[in-house]
Amino acid sequence: MKRETFRKSLGVRHVACGSCNGCEHEMNALSNAFYDITQDGYDIVASPRHADIVTVTGPMTPAMRAAARETLDAVPRPRIVVAIGDCAAGEGPWSGAPSAGPGAGIELQATITVRGCPPTPEEIRAALKSLPLSS
């Protein structure tokens, strides 16, 4: 995919799929004045219909399975899924728990995964900047 396929700024929609909120705190830091990912051409959007990228965190609890799928289905194609954290990769502390799925990134077939429990804002920002888009 080429960046020209998308708009000038890429919309990012986040879905928390049953995580402990550690990854969400780090994701929220991306919009503060220090990290400010808008300078890199990313905007946090409220509607999946305005998104190009979906970030997911958590092990994908049964209660979130349908909501996450509906959100992803509402994102126009082409779209990119980024799994944030070890739980989304299926390897976090909730891995194997009866109330946890294989990982949000695994279930939604993430393009890339940012490892960590939780990953730092710098790691998340670097992953977004490394997305397979040619400028």
Protein backbone atom coordinates (compact mmCIF):
# COMPACT_ATOMS: atom_id res chain seq x y z
CA MET A 1 0.00 0.00 0.00
CA LYS A 2 1.20 3.46 -0.74
CA ARG A 3 0.62 6.39 1.56
CA GLU A 4 -1.04 8.16 -1.36
CA THR A 5 -3.79 5.54 -1.09
CA PHE A 6 -4.77 7.22 2.17
CA ARG A 7 -5.55 10.84 2.98
CA LYS A 8 -2.79 13.27 3.97
CA SER A 9 -3.27 12.43 7.62
CA LEU A 10 -4.05 8.93 8.78
CA GLY A 11 -6.96 8.44 11.14
CA VAL A 12 -6.34 6.11 14.08
CA ARG A 13 -9.24 4.42 15.90
CA HIS A 14 -8.49 2.48 19.07
CA VAL A 15 -10.43 -0.53 20.38
CA ALA A 16 -9.74 -1.84 23.89
CA CYS A 17 -10.54 -5.55 23.80
CA GLY A 18 -10.44 -6.35 27.50
CA SER A 19 -7.01 -5.09 28.50
CA CYS A 20 -5.86 -3.88 31.92
CA ASN A 21 -5.63 -0.30 30.53
CA GLY A 22 -1.83 -0.17 30.75
CA CYS A 23 -1.53 -0.02 26.96
CA GLU A 24 -4.34 2.55 26.79
CA HIS A 25 -2.43 4.88 29.13
CA GLU A 26 0.58 4.68 26.85
CA MET A 27 -1.62 5.20 23.76
CA ASN A 28 -3.20 8.28 25.38
CA ALA A 29 0.26 9.76 25.84
CA LEU A 30 0.62 9.88 22.06
CA SER A 31 -1.78 12.80 21.95
CA ASN A 32 -0.06 14.90 24.60
CA ALA A 33 2.27 17.78 23.82
CA PHE A 34 5.44 15.72 24.32
CA TYR A 35 4.70 12.89 21.83
CA ASP A 36 2.08 14.67 19.66
CA ILE A 37 1.63 12.15 16.86
CA THR A 38 -0.35 14.72 14.88
CA GLN A 39 3.03 16.10 13.84
CA ASP A 40 3.69 12.75 12.15
CA GLY A 41 0.40 12.90 10.24
CA TYR A 42 -1.78 10.76 12.53
CA ASP A 43 -5.10 11.85 14.00
CA ILE A 44 -7.03 10.02 16.71
CA VAL A 45 -10.59 9.70 15.39
CA ALA A 46 -13.81 8.87 17.21
CA SER A 47 -15.53 7.09 14.34
CA PRO A 48 -14.24 3.97 12.63
CA ARG A 49 -15.67 5.39 9.40
CA HIS A 50 -12.98 8.09 9.53
CA ALA A 51 -10.14 5.70 10.36
CA ASP A 52 -7.38 4.21 8.25
CA ILE A 53 -5.66 2.40 11.13
CA VAL A 54 -7.25 0.41 13.95
CA THR A 55 -5.17 -0.15 17.06
CA VAL A 56 -6.24 -2.95 19.39
CA THR A 57 -5.18 -3.90 22.89
CA GLY A 58 -6.06 -6.82 25.10
CA PRO A 59 -6.66 -10.53 24.91
CA MET A 60 -10.07 -10.16 23.15
CA THR A 61 -12.63 -11.07 25.77
CA PRO A 62 -15.81 -12.79 24.55
CA ALA A 63 -17.81 -9.64 25.36
CA MET A 64 -15.65 -7.54 23.02
CA ARG A 65 -15.43 -9.98 20.11
CA ALA A 66 -18.53 -8.74 18.24
CA ALA A 67 -17.86 -5.06 18.98
CA ALA A 68 -14.28 -5.28 17.73
CA ARG A 69 -15.36 -7.06 14.55
CA GLU A 70 -18.11 -4.46 13.91
CA THR A 71 -15.62 -1.64 14.42
CA LEU A 72 -13.16 -3.22 12.02
CA ASP A 73 -15.89 -3.85 9.44
CA ALA A 74 -16.85 -0.15 9.60
CA VAL A 75 -13.33 0.99 8.69
CA PRO A 76 -13.03 1.68 4.96
CA ARG A 77 -10.58 -0.39 2.94
CA PRO A 78 -7.65 -0.37 2.68
CA ARG A 79 -7.16 -0.55 6.42
CA ILE A 80 -4.36 -1.46 8.78
CA VAL A 81 -4.63 -3.20 12.14
CA VAL A 82 -1.93 -2.60 14.76
CA ALA A 83 -1.84 -4.83 17.85
CA ILE A 84 -0.51 -2.97 20.89
CA GLY A 85 0.98 -4.95 23.78
CA ASP A 86 1.71 -8.52 24.70
CA CYS A 87 -1.94 -9.36 25.43
CA ALA A 88 -2.96 -8.41 21.90
CA ALA A 89 -0.16 -10.65 20.65
CA GLY A 90 -1.56 -13.55 22.68
CA GLU A 91 1.38 -13.66 25.07
CA GLY A 92 0.41 -11.41 27.97
CA PRO A 93 -0.38 -12.26 31.57
CA TRP A 94 -3.96 -13.20 30.60
CA SER A 95 -2.86 -15.71 27.98
CA GLY A 96 -4.64 -18.99 28.49
CA ALA A 97 -7.24 -17.59 30.89
CA PRO A 98 -10.77 -18.93 30.31
CA SER A 99 -12.12 -15.40 29.82
CA ALA A 100 -9.44 -14.42 27.31
CA GLY A 101 -9.15 -15.18 23.65
CA PRO A 102 -5.98 -15.73 21.66
CA GLY A 103 -5.25 -11.99 21.47
CA ALA A 104 -6.97 -9.11 19.71
CA GLY A 105 -4.19 -8.80 17.15
CA ILE A 106 -4.38 -12.49 16.31
CA GLU A 107 -8.16 -12.53 15.95
CA LEU A 108 -8.21 -9.37 13.83
CA GLN A 109 -5.12 -10.34 11.81
CA ALA A 110 -2.90 -7.41 12.74
CA THR A 111 -0.50 -6.03 10.17
CA ILE A 112 2.09 -5.33 12.88
CA THR A 113 2.40 -5.96 16.60
CA VAL A 114 4.07 -3.69 19.13
CA ARG A 115 5.40 -5.91 21.94
CA GLY A 116 5.63 -4.88 25.57
CA CYS A 117 3.61 -4.90 28.77
CA PRO A 118 2.90 -2.12 28.11
CA PRO A 119 4.97 -0.80 25.21
CA THR A 120 6.23 2.75 25.66
CA PRO A 121 4.77 5.65 23.69
CA GLU A 122 8.08 5.84 21.79
CA GLU A 123 7.72 2.21 20.71
CA ILE A 124 4.11 2.72 19.62
CA ARG A 125 5.02 5.88 17.71
CA ALA A 126 7.95 4.15 16.00
CA ALA A 127 5.66 1.27 14.99
CA LEU A 128 3.10 3.64 13.49
CA LYS A 129 5.86 5.40 11.57
CA SER A 130 7.17 2.04 10.30
CA LEU A 131 3.87 0.92 8.84
CA PRO A 132 4.21 -0.67 5.40
CA LEU A 133 3.36 2.49 3.52
CA SER A 134 5.73 3.92 0.95
CA SER A 135 5.84 7.69 0.78
